């Protein structure tokens, strides 16, 4: 696994290390590999247009923005959306589509089917708030 990907994946809150999503996009854009060795087979099976999801939790004093970490697994996105819900705020899942060729990096080493992408490369995006719907 590339050291940039390793540092990103090991960080619970990547913005603490990478400071901005633009830095993340720039760094992942500089990597030749599109997946780590453990995830290469799963990456190779992705269709040309990939459905992706992002679990979001926000509150009045904090909004994560669109972000670059998405997943191909709706249940993983739902887990990320709901994990801080007891603290108040709003939880929801973003759903969208990205071309496989635009995926900056794919990894499943944490069993999260994580897709790193530039949100500007999304074909479309929508918001879901009803849990269990995908």
Protein backbone atom coordinates (compact mmCIF):
# COMPACT_ATOMS: atom_id res chain seq x y z
CA UNK A 1 0.00 0.00 0.00
CA UNK A 2 1.30 3.46 -0.86
CA UNK A 3 2.41 5.44 2.21
CA UNK A 4 -0.05 8.28 1.48
CA UNK A 5 -2.92 5.80 1.40
CA UNK A 6 -1.63 4.11 4.55
CA UNK A 7 -1.46 7.42 6.45
CA UNK A 8 -4.94 8.41 5.27
CA UNK A 9 -6.59 5.09 6.09
CA UNK A 10 -5.03 4.86 9.56
CA UNK A 11 -6.32 8.32 10.55
CA UNK A 12 -9.83 8.45 12.08
CA UNK A 13 -10.08 12.13 11.11
CA UNK A 14 -7.83 12.62 8.06
CA UNK A 15 -8.22 16.40 8.10
CA UNK A 16 -6.12 16.48 11.29
CA UNK A 17 -3.17 15.24 9.23
CA UNK A 18 -3.94 16.45 5.71
CA UNK A 19 -5.53 19.82 6.71
CA UNK A 20 -7.85 20.20 3.66
CA UNK A 21 -9.74 17.97 1.22
CA UNK A 22 -7.82 19.72 -1.57
CA UNK A 23 -4.56 18.40 -0.08
CA UNK A 24 -6.01 14.89 0.03
CA UNK A 25 -7.13 15.13 -3.62
CA UNK A 26 -3.73 16.45 -4.72
CA UNK A 27 -1.79 13.75 -2.83
CA UNK A 28 -3.96 10.86 -4.02
CA UNK A 29 -3.85 12.29 -7.53
CA UNK A 30 -0.06 11.90 -7.43
CA UNK A 31 -0.25 8.13 -6.74
CA UNK A 32 -0.02 5.78 -9.72
CA UNK A 33 -1.83 2.91 -7.98
CA UNK A 34 -5.63 3.02 -7.90
CA UNK A 35 -6.02 0.34 -5.20
CA UNK A 36 -3.94 -1.44 -2.60
CA UNK A 37 -2.87 -5.00 -3.35
CA UNK A 38 -5.41 -6.51 -0.93
CA UNK A 39 -8.28 -4.67 -2.66
CA UNK A 40 -7.19 -4.92 -6.29
CA UNK A 41 -9.50 -7.82 -7.16
CA UNK A 42 -12.56 -6.01 -5.77
CA UNK A 43 -11.51 -2.79 -7.52
CA UNK A 44 -11.16 -4.61 -10.84
CA UNK A 45 -14.77 -5.83 -10.57
CA UNK A 46 -16.23 -2.31 -10.19
CA UNK A 47 -18.38 -1.22 -13.15
CA UNK A 48 -17.44 1.76 -15.34
CA UNK A 49 -19.94 3.93 -13.43
CA UNK A 50 -19.80 3.26 -9.69
CA UNK A 51 -22.59 3.95 -7.18
CA UNK A 52 -21.09 5.45 -4.03
CA UNK A 53 -22.41 6.54 -0.63
CA UNK A 54 -21.15 8.83 2.10
CA UNK A 55 -22.42 8.84 5.68
CA UNK A 56 -22.56 12.35 7.10
CA UNK A 57 -23.16 13.71 10.58
CA UNK A 58 -23.33 17.46 11.07
CA UNK A 59 -24.39 19.98 13.67
CA UNK A 60 -24.74 23.76 13.83
CA UNK A 61 -21.09 24.42 14.69
CA UNK A 62 -19.58 21.77 12.42
CA UNK A 63 -20.17 20.65 8.85
CA UNK A 64 -17.75 18.25 7.16
CA UNK A 65 -18.54 19.41 3.63
CA UNK A 66 -18.90 16.93 0.81
CA UNK A 67 -15.65 15.13 1.57
CA UNK A 68 -13.56 12.73 -0.46
CA UNK A 69 -14.15 9.42 1.39
CA UNK A 70 -17.08 7.45 0.03
CA UNK A 71 -18.02 3.76 0.00
CA UNK A 72 -19.62 1.35 -2.43
CA UNK A 73 -21.54 -0.19 0.51
CA UNK A 74 -24.69 1.62 1.65
CA UNK A 75 -24.62 -0.08 5.08
CA UNK A 76 -21.11 1.29 5.73
CA UNK A 77 -22.29 4.82 4.86
CA UNK A 78 -25.30 4.41 7.14
CA UNK A 79 -23.02 3.32 10.00
CA UNK A 80 -20.84 6.43 9.55
CA UNK A 81 -23.90 8.67 9.41
CA UNK A 82 -25.43 7.26 12.59
CA UNK A 83 -22.37 6.73 14.79
CA UNK A 84 -22.44 10.23 16.34
CA UNK A 85 -26.21 10.71 16.24
CA UNK A 86 -26.53 10.46 20.06
CA UNK A 87 -24.61 13.78 20.20
CA UNK A 88 -27.44 15.55 18.37
CA UNK A 89 -27.18 17.20 15.00
CA UNK A 90 -28.31 15.70 11.74
CA UNK A 91 -27.33 12.42 10.09
CA UNK A 92 -27.82 11.55 6.45
CA UNK A 93 -26.35 9.57 3.57
CA UNK A 94 -25.19 11.10 0.34
CA UNK A 95 -25.61 8.89 -2.71
CA UNK A 96 -23.97 9.48 -6.05
CA UNK A 97 -22.18 8.05 -8.99
CA UNK A 98 -18.60 8.41 -10.17
CA UNK A 99 -16.79 7.02 -13.17
CA UNK A 100 -14.35 4.28 -12.23
CA UNK A 101 -11.61 6.08 -14.14
CA UNK A 102 -12.10 9.08 -11.81
CA UNK A 103 -11.63 7.10 -8.58
CA UNK A 104 -8.40 8.30 -7.01
CA UNK A 105 -8.00 5.27 -4.73
CA UNK A 106 -9.96 2.22 -3.60
CA UNK A 107 -9.34 0.15 -0.49
CA UNK A 108 -11.19 -2.48 1.46
CA UNK A 109 -8.51 -3.18 4.08
CA UNK A 110 -10.91 -1.98 6.83
CA UNK A 111 -13.89 -3.77 5.25
CA UNK A 112 -15.40 -0.39 4.29
CA UNK A 113 -15.12 -0.56 0.46
CA UNK A 114 -13.68 2.95 0.62
CA UNK A 115 -13.47 5.12 -2.47
CA UNK A 116 -11.32 8.26 -2.42
CA UNK A 117 -12.57 10.70 -5.03
CA UNK A 118 -12.71 14.34 -6.01
CA UNK A 119 -16.32 15.47 -5.39
CA UNK A 120 -16.07 17.59 -8.56
CA UNK A 121 -15.85 14.32 -10.53
CA UNK A 122 -19.25 13.07 -9.35
CA UNK A 123 -21.68 12.35 -12.20
CA UNK A 124 -24.56 13.13 -9.83
CA UNK A 125 -25.27 13.30 -6.11
CA UNK A 126 -28.38 13.17 -3.93
CA UNK A 127 -29.22 13.05 -0.22
CA UNK A 128 -31.06 10.25 1.58
CA UNK A 129 -32.37 10.55 5.13
CA UNK A 130 -34.51 7.44 5.44
CA UNK A 131 -32.44 4.66 6.95
CA UNK A 132 -32.35 1.34 5.17
CA UNK A 133 -33.19 2.93 1.82
CA UNK A 134 -30.64 2.75 -0.95
